[in-house]
Protein backbone atom coordinates (compact mmCIF):
# COMPACT_ATOMS: atom_id res chain seq x y z
CA MET A 1 0.00 0.00 0.00
CA ILE A 2 2.83 2.43 0.79
CA GLY A 3 5.20 1.06 -1.83
CA THR A 4 7.87 -0.26 0.55
CA SER A 5 8.26 -2.90 3.24
CA CYS A 6 8.09 -1.84 6.89
CA PHE A 7 10.23 -2.88 9.84
CA LEU A 8 8.28 -4.28 12.79
CA SER A 9 9.68 -2.88 16.04
CA VAL A 10 8.11 -4.28 19.22
CA CYS A 11 8.62 -2.96 22.74
CA LEU A 12 11.46 -5.01 24.23
CA LEU A 13 10.67 -3.81 27.75
CA HIS A 14 7.35 -5.64 27.43
CA ALA A 15 9.06 -8.67 25.89
CA VAL A 16 11.35 -9.13 28.93
CA GLU A 17 8.34 -9.04 31.25
CA LEU A 18 6.76 -12.11 29.68
CA PRO A 19 9.35 -14.66 30.94
CA LEU A 20 8.90 -13.23 34.46
CA ARG A 21 5.16 -13.71 34.13
CA GLY A 22 5.64 -17.30 32.98
CA LEU A 23 7.96 -18.07 35.90
CA PHE A 24 5.64 -16.42 38.44
CA CYS A 25 2.60 -18.38 37.24
CA GLU A 26 4.60 -21.62 37.25
CA LEU A 27 5.82 -21.11 40.83
CA ASP A 28 2.45 -19.92 42.16
CA LYS A 29 0.62 -22.78 40.39
CA VAL A 30 -1.84 -20.53 38.55
CA LYS A 31 -2.76 -20.06 34.90
CA GLU A 32 -1.92 -16.87 33.04
CA GLY A 33 -4.85 -14.49 32.70
CA LYS A 34 -7.24 -12.74 35.04
CA GLY A 35 -6.69 -15.22 37.87
CA GLN A 36 -2.89 -15.15 37.81
CA PHE A 37 -2.76 -13.31 41.15
CA GLY A 38 -5.15 -15.80 42.75
CA GLY A 39 -2.44 -18.08 44.14
CA ARG A 40 -0.99 -18.02 47.62
CA LEU A 41 1.95 -15.80 46.68
CA GLY A 42 -0.13 -13.55 44.43
CA LYS A 43 -2.63 -12.82 47.19
CA ALA A 44 0.18 -12.05 49.63
CA LEU A 45 1.80 -9.60 47.21
CA LEU A 46 -1.48 -7.70 46.81
CA ASP A 47 -1.02 -6.45 50.39
CA ASP A 48 -0.84 -2.64 50.34
CA ASP A 49 1.00 -2.61 53.67
CA LEU A 50 4.30 -3.97 52.35
CA SER A 51 6.13 -0.75 53.21
CA SER A 52 5.42 -1.29 56.91
CA ARG A 53 7.06 -4.73 56.98
CA LYS A 54 10.28 -4.70 58.94
CA VAL A 55 13.45 -5.40 56.97
CA SER A 56 15.33 -8.41 58.32
CA LYS A 57 18.61 -10.12 57.55
CA PHE A 58 18.60 -11.69 54.08
CA ASN A 59 21.03 -13.46 51.79
CA ARG A 60 22.73 -11.17 49.31
CA ILE A 61 22.08 -11.98 45.65
CA ASP A 62 25.39 -12.30 43.85
CA CYS A 63 25.37 -10.37 40.57
CA PRO A 64 28.76 -8.73 39.88
CA ASP A 65 27.88 -7.63 36.35
CA PHE A 66 24.65 -5.87 37.30
CA PRO A 67 24.49 -2.64 35.25
CA ARG A 68 24.81 0.58 37.24
CA LEU A 69 22.71 3.22 35.49
CA PRO A 70 24.08 6.74 34.97
CA THR A 71 22.53 9.51 37.06
CA HIS A 72 20.72 11.14 34.13
CA ILE A 73 18.97 7.87 33.27
CA VAL A 74 17.99 7.21 36.90
CA GLN A 75 16.49 10.70 37.17
CA ASN A 76 14.33 10.08 34.10
CA LEU A 77 13.00 6.76 35.40
CA SER A 78 9.46 6.58 36.66
CA GLN A 79 8.90 6.31 40.41
CA ASP A 80 8.07 2.59 40.21
CA ASN A 81 11.10 1.92 38.00
CA ARG A 82 13.42 3.82 40.33
CA ILE A 83 12.16 1.86 43.35
CA LEU A 84 12.78 -1.45 41.58
CA TYR A 85 16.28 -0.37 40.53
CA ARG A 86 17.16 0.60 44.12
CA LEU A 87 15.67 -2.65 45.48
CA CYS A 88 17.88 -4.65 43.09
CA LEU A 89 20.95 -2.77 44.32
CA ALA A 90 19.83 -3.34 47.92
CA CYS A 91 19.55 -7.11 47.34
CA ILE A 92 23.04 -7.13 45.81
CA ASP A 93 24.66 -4.95 48.50
CA GLY A 94 22.77 -6.56 51.40
CA TYR A 95 21.51 -3.26 52.80
CA VAL A 96 18.12 -1.53 52.45
CA PRO A 97 18.05 2.24 53.20
CA ASP A 98 15.25 3.47 55.46
CA ASP A 99 13.66 5.67 52.78
CA LEU A 100 13.56 2.70 50.40
CA ALA A 101 12.07 0.38 53.04
CA SER A 102 9.21 2.85 53.64
CA ALA A 103 8.64 3.68 49.95
CA LYS A 104 5.10 3.01 48.73
CA ILE A 105 5.14 0.58 45.81
CA GLY A 106 2.59 0.97 43.02
CA VAL A 107 -0.44 -1.30 42.69
CA MET A 108 -0.24 -4.63 40.93
CA HIS A 109 -1.98 -5.11 37.62
CA HIS A 110 -2.05 -7.81 34.94
CA ALA A 111 -0.32 -5.42 32.52
CA ARG A 112 2.16 -3.92 35.04
CA TRP A 113 4.84 -6.42 36.01
CA LEU A 114 7.30 -3.77 37.14
CA THR A 115 5.40 -3.27 40.39
CA LEU A 116 5.07 -7.03 40.86
CA ALA A 117 8.88 -7.33 40.67
CA SER A 118 9.25 -4.53 43.24
CA ARG A 119 6.80 -6.22 45.60
CA ILE A 120 8.59 -9.56 45.30
CA LEU A 121 11.95 -7.97 46.22
CA ARG A 122 10.35 -6.02 49.09
CA TYR A 123 8.83 -9.31 50.26
CA TYR A 124 12.25 -10.97 49.95
CA VAL A 125 14.00 -8.50 52.30
CA ALA A 126 11.16 -8.67 54.86
CA ASP A 127 10.51 -11.22 57.62
CA PRO A 128 12.23 -14.58 57.00
CA VAL A 129 8.95 -16.36 57.80
CA VAL A 130 7.50 -15.32 54.44
CA ARG A 131 10.76 -15.82 52.51
CA THR A 132 9.83 -19.10 50.85
CA GLU A 133 11.83 -20.95 48.22
CA GLU A 134 9.53 -19.56 45.52
CA VAL A 135 10.18 -15.99 46.67
CA GLU A 136 13.94 -16.58 46.65
CA THR A 137 13.80 -18.04 43.12
CA LEU A 138 11.81 -15.08 41.84
CA ALA A 139 14.12 -12.58 43.57
CA ARG A 140 17.21 -14.14 41.98
CA TYR A 141 15.52 -14.13 38.59
CA ILE A 142 14.50 -10.46 38.89
CA VAL A 143 18.01 -9.29 39.83
CA ARG A 144 20.04 -11.55 37.54
CA VAL A 145 17.78 -11.61 34.47
CA TYR A 146 14.69 -9.42 34.47
CA TYR A 147 16.00 -6.07 35.64
CA LYS A 148 19.44 -6.66 34.18
CA MET A 149 17.74 -6.89 30.76
CA HIS A 150 15.54 -3.92 31.62
CA ALA A 151 18.61 -1.80 32.42
CA GLN A 152 20.51 -2.95 29.32
CA ILE A 153 17.59 -1.89 27.12
CA LYS A 154 17.57 1.52 28.80
CA LEU A 155 21.31 1.87 28.19
CA ARG A 156 21.10 0.73 24.53
CA PRO A 157 17.63 1.80 23.43
CA LEU A 158 17.87 1.81 19.60
CA ILE A 159 16.65 -0.76 17.08
CA GLU A 160 20.18 -1.65 15.97
CA ASP A 161 20.68 -2.89 19.54
CA GLY A 162 17.57 -5.11 19.48
CA ALA A 163 19.33 -8.29 18.28
CA HIS A 164 21.97 -7.89 21.02
CA HIS A 165 19.20 -7.80 23.63
CA VAL A 166 17.53 -10.94 22.26
CA TYR A 167 20.83 -12.84 22.37
CA THR A 168 21.62 -11.58 25.88
CA SER A 169 18.15 -12.58 27.07
CA LEU A 170 18.61 -16.06 25.58
CA GLN A 171 21.95 -16.42 27.37
CA LEU A 172 20.76 -15.18 30.76
CA ASN A 173 17.62 -17.31 30.76
CA SER A 174 19.64 -20.38 29.73
CA GLU A 175 22.31 -19.93 32.41
CA ILE A 176 20.20 -19.13 35.48
CA GLN A 177 19.53 -22.05 37.81
CA LEU A 178 15.91 -23.22 37.48
CA SER A 179 14.04 -26.50 37.67
CA PRO A 180 13.09 -28.17 34.34
CA SER A 181 9.45 -27.03 34.56
CA GLU A 182 10.47 -23.47 35.49
CA ARG A 183 12.98 -23.29 32.64
CA LYS A 184 10.38 -24.58 30.21
CA ALA A 185 7.93 -21.84 31.25
CA VAL A 186 10.60 -19.16 30.87
CA MET A 187 12.13 -20.34 27.59
CA LYS A 188 8.71 -20.67 25.99
CA LYS A 189 8.26 -16.90 26.37
CA VAL A 190 11.80 -16.09 25.23
CA LEU A 191 11.58 -18.18 22.07
CA ASN A 192 8.09 -16.94 21.22
CA ASN A 193 9.21 -13.28 21.23
CA SER A 194 11.79 -13.55 18.46
CA TYR A 195 10.85 -10.34 16.65
CA PHE A 196 14.28 -8.74 17.00
CA ALA A 197 15.97 -11.98 15.91
CA HIS A 198 14.54 -11.44 12.43
CA PRO A 199 17.26 -11.31 9.73
CA GLU A 200 16.42 -7.66 9.03
CA ALA A 201 17.13 -6.84 12.68
CA LEU A 202 20.36 -8.87 12.52
CA ILE A 203 21.47 -6.89 9.46
CA LEU A 204 20.79 -3.60 11.27
CA ALA A 205 22.70 -4.89 14.31
CA SER A 206 25.69 -5.96 12.21
CA LEU A 207 25.87 -2.59 10.45
CA GLY A 208 25.63 -0.84 13.83
CA ASP A 209 28.28 -3.02 15.48
CA GLU A 210 31.46 -1.39 16.76
CA ASP A 211 33.54 -4.24 15.29
CA ARG A 212 34.48 -3.41 11.68
CA SER A 213 34.80 -7.11 10.72
CA ILE A 214 31.15 -7.68 11.66
CA ARG A 215 30.10 -4.58 9.70
CA GLU A 216 31.95 -6.02 6.71
CA LYS A 217 29.82 -9.17 6.96
CA GLY A 218 26.66 -7.05 7.08
CA VAL A 219 27.70 -5.03 4.03
CA ALA A 220 28.57 -8.20 2.09
CA LEU A 221 25.19 -9.73 2.93
CA CYS A 222 23.33 -6.57 1.80
CA LYS A 223 25.18 -6.63 -1.51
CA GLN A 224 24.36 -10.33 -1.97
CA LEU A 225 20.66 -9.72 -1.27
CA LEU A 226 20.60 -6.78 -3.68
CA THR A 227 22.05 -8.99 -6.42
CA LEU A 228 19.39 -11.65 -5.72
CA GLU A 229 16.62 -9.03 -5.90
CA GLN A 230 17.88 -7.89 -9.29
CA LYS A 231 17.60 -11.51 -10.47
CA GLY A 232 13.99 -11.64 -9.30
CA MET A 233 14.74 -13.63 -6.15
CA ASN A 234 14.29 -12.95 -2.43
CA ARG A 235 11.24 -10.78 -2.82
CA SER A 236 8.72 -10.64 -0.01
CA ALA A 237 6.54 -13.75 0.14
CA ARG A 238 2.82 -13.19 -0.48
CA ILE A 239 0.02 -15.58 0.41
CA ASN A 240 -3.12 -15.49 -1.73
CA GLY A 241 -2.06 -12.14 -3.20
CA LYS A 242 -2.11 -10.40 0.20
CA PRO A 243 0.75 -8.17 1.44
CA ARG A 244 3.62 -10.04 3.06
CA ILE A 245 3.15 -11.29 6.59
CA PHE A 246 5.85 -10.79 9.19
CA CYS A 247 7.45 -14.17 9.88
CA LYS A 248 8.97 -14.58 13.30
CA PRO A 249 12.19 -16.61 13.05
CA GLU A 250 12.79 -19.83 14.91
CA ILE A 251 15.57 -19.00 17.38
CA ASN A 252 18.67 -21.18 17.35
CA GLN A 253 19.20 -21.92 21.06
CA GLY A 254 22.80 -22.99 20.44
CA ALA A 255 23.83 -19.62 19.00
CA LYS A 256 27.35 -18.45 19.95
CA ASN A 257 26.62 -14.82 19.00
CA TYR A 258 23.66 -12.77 17.82
CA LEU A 259 24.47 -13.41 14.15
CA GLU A 260 23.77 -17.12 14.70
CA LEU A 261 20.29 -16.62 16.20
CA VAL A 262 18.67 -17.66 12.91
CA THR A 263 19.03 -20.82 10.78
CA TYR A 264 19.61 -20.05 7.09
CA ASN A 265 19.10 -22.19 4.01
CA VAL A 266 21.03 -21.19 0.89
CA ASP A 267 19.62 -21.96 -2.59
CA ILE A 268 16.96 -24.41 -1.40
CA GLY A 269 15.62 -25.05 -4.90
CA ASP A 270 12.90 -27.57 -5.80
CA ASN A 271 12.88 -29.32 -2.43
CA ASP A 272 11.76 -26.16 -0.68
CA PRO A 273 8.81 -26.78 1.70
CA ILE A 274 7.33 -23.44 0.64
CA ARG A 275 6.84 -24.67 -2.91
CA LYS A 276 4.53 -27.45 -1.71
CA LYS A 277 2.21 -24.99 0.03
CA LYS A 278 -0.91 -24.56 -2.09
CA SER A 279 -1.47 -21.06 -0.73
CA PHE A 280 1.48 -19.79 -2.78
CA LYS A 281 0.06 -19.05 -6.24
CA SER A 282 3.16 -17.35 -7.63
CA TYR A 283 6.46 -18.79 -6.45
CA ARG A 284 9.98 -17.66 -7.17
CA MET A 285 13.06 -19.52 -6.05
CA PHE A 286 14.69 -17.79 -3.11
CA GLY A 287 18.46 -17.61 -2.93
CA LEU A 288 18.65 -17.10 0.85
CA CYS A 289 15.94 -18.07 3.35
CA PHE A 290 15.56 -18.34 7.10
CA LYS A 291 13.60 -20.83 9.16
CA THR A 292 10.46 -19.30 10.65
CA ALA A 293 8.23 -20.08 13.63
CA CYS A 294 5.06 -19.47 11.56
CA LYS A 295 2.59 -22.22 10.72
CA GLU A 296 1.84 -20.88 7.22
CA ILE A 297 5.47 -20.53 6.09
CA GLU A 298 8.33 -22.81 7.05
CA TRP A 299 11.01 -20.82 5.21
CA ALA A 300 10.91 -17.14 4.28
CA PRO A 301 13.24 -14.97 2.16
CA VAL A 302 15.84 -12.71 3.72
CA THR A 303 15.32 -9.11 2.59
CA ILE A 304 17.20 -5.84 3.00
CA PRO A 305 15.72 -3.53 5.67
CA SER A 306 14.02 -0.56 4.05
CA LEU A 307 15.70 1.72 6.61
CA ILE A 308 19.08 1.37 4.90
CA LYS A 309 18.01 0.78 1.29
CA GLU A 310 18.25 4.23 -0.27
CA HIS A 311 18.64 3.08 -3.88
CA PRO A 312 16.99 0.00 -5.47
CA SER A 313 20.04 -1.18 -7.43
CA ASP A 314 23.24 0.53 -6.19
CA PRO A 315 25.46 -1.86 -4.17
CA GLU A 316 27.85 0.96 -3.22
CA GLN A 317 25.22 2.55 -0.97
CA PHE A 318 26.25 0.18 1.85
CA GLU A 319 29.97 1.02 1.73
CA LYS A 320 29.56 3.96 4.11
CA TYR A 321 28.89 1.58 7.01
CA LEU A 322 32.45 0.24 6.78
CA ASP A 323 33.93 3.49 8.08
CA SER A 324 31.13 4.61 10.39
CA ARG A 325 28.61 2.30 12.01
CA LEU A 326 24.86 2.66 11.54
CA LYS A 327 23.16 5.01 13.99
CA THR A 328 19.39 5.41 13.91
CA SER A 329 16.99 7.43 16.04
CA TYR A 330 14.38 4.67 16.28
CA PRO A 331 13.88 3.04 19.71
CA CYS A 332 13.58 -0.67 20.47
CA HIS A 333 11.20 0.13 23.33
CA GLN A 334 8.44 2.65 23.82
CA GLN A 335 8.22 4.67 27.02
CA ALA A 336 4.71 5.60 25.87
CA VAL A 337 3.66 1.97 26.39
CA GLU A 338 4.59 2.19 30.08
CA ARG A 339 2.71 5.48 30.47
CA ALA A 340 -0.37 4.08 28.73
CA VAL A 341 -0.39 1.01 30.97
CA ALA A 342 -0.04 3.21 34.06
CA LEU A 343 -2.96 5.36 32.88
CA MET A 344 -5.13 2.28 32.28
CA THR A 345 -4.31 1.01 35.78
CA GLU A 346 -5.23 4.37 37.27
CA SER A 347 -8.51 4.45 35.33
CA LYS A 348 -9.45 0.96 36.48
CA LEU A 349 -8.99 1.93 40.13
CA LYS A 350 -10.88 5.23 39.87
CA CYS A 351 -13.69 4.35 37.44
CA THR A 352 -16.08 1.42 37.21
CA ASP A 353 -18.09 2.25 34.09
CA ALA A 354 -16.49 1.72 30.66
CA ASP A 355 -17.56 5.17 29.43
CA MET A 356 -16.09 6.78 32.56
CA LYS A 357 -12.78 5.00 31.99
CA SER A 358 -12.71 6.21 28.39
CA GLY A 359 -13.48 9.76 29.51
CA HIS A 360 -10.73 9.60 32.12
CA HIS A 361 -8.23 8.52 29.44
CA ILE A 362 -9.21 11.38 27.13
CA ILE A 363 -9.17 14.09 29.82
CA VAL A 364 -5.82 13.06 31.33
CA THR A 365 -4.15 12.65 27.93
CA GLU A 366 -5.41 16.06 26.75
CA GLU A 367 -4.24 17.79 29.93
CA ARG A 368 -0.81 16.20 29.63
CA ARG A 369 -0.60 17.41 26.05
CA LYS A 370 -1.48 20.98 27.06
CA ASN A 371 0.74 21.02 30.16
CA PRO A 372 3.55 18.49 29.65
CA GLY A 373 5.11 17.43 32.93
CA ALA A 374 2.44 19.09 35.08
CA HIS A 375 1.71 15.77 36.79
CA LYS A 376 5.20 15.93 38.33
CA LYS A 377 5.53 17.89 41.58
CA ARG A 378 8.60 19.84 40.58
CA LYS A 379 6.92 21.13 37.43
CA PHE A 380 3.48 21.57 38.97
CA ASN A 381 4.90 23.96 41.56
CA LYS A 382 6.33 26.11 38.78
CA LEU A 383 2.91 26.34 37.16
CA LEU A 384 1.41 27.54 40.46
CA GLN A 385 4.03 30.29 40.68
């Protein structure tokens, strides 16, 4: 419709929450959905009086490579995010400051797992009576995997960093000590969210890599794909004449680096499983394909990301990435998603009728547009003056 292919960028901050949700539901013996806080642990975490629980002696969580965020990033974090970051540091250092112990943690919601993580850590540093094995497992996972990924995404927030984050998440979730059933619940979520392991994302990551040798591989691959396109190969696959569907890749769990996240098949020819699909009315041989996780398509063609393809037939357009790496302004996560979820949570607590919730959304969003930052105390006081 718009004459060019689009790059699908999902919010990676949401993607790293899903394995935590899978692990929590597995440990609390509940199904995902509306009743996922109905277990014994979920009901205990709904307690609004967590801040009054006395901090007791607890085992430090060893995590030497935990990322320490710069001051300017910490200042821009939301209140809930800042509390979780400080709780992670407290669990690592073995000391909880008084102001952190008395901090009020935000409400839990099915779409807000940041506050759930904060409540689990606050529960972990509280009375040893409630510090069960499940709580300890979740606390270790939050510090060593969940928030470590959260912080890495904040530090490297662009789409050319997306493939790095997928590979790091795969490594961390594979290395952490879990039972077979817990690991299965976690890895199911990791492997299902393979959006940034797509070959287009890998190409962007290789061109944005600091290592020149890896950028050379990315440039060579782009030139190869451009040659295949000129021969009529490696065009976007269409089913029943409809625009191409985005095919999530099947992640290679044995990958040694992010470039090996996807399994490729070169010049698959007449034995290609795609050719046997009746839904493909017009088929062209593909010179380079990747294995997908889609039911409709087993193999899909590798294509050049439209973000870097400035000319349809000039192979020299990619040479510039040899001397200077790719730098985009497109994020791999959306802060707006977090704000929208927070607004929905607030509406649910304040309004019961659907029309009232909708009206609350509209009014708050319009006021924030007119007076940006007015909901923050330091800026609201300036407006009063």
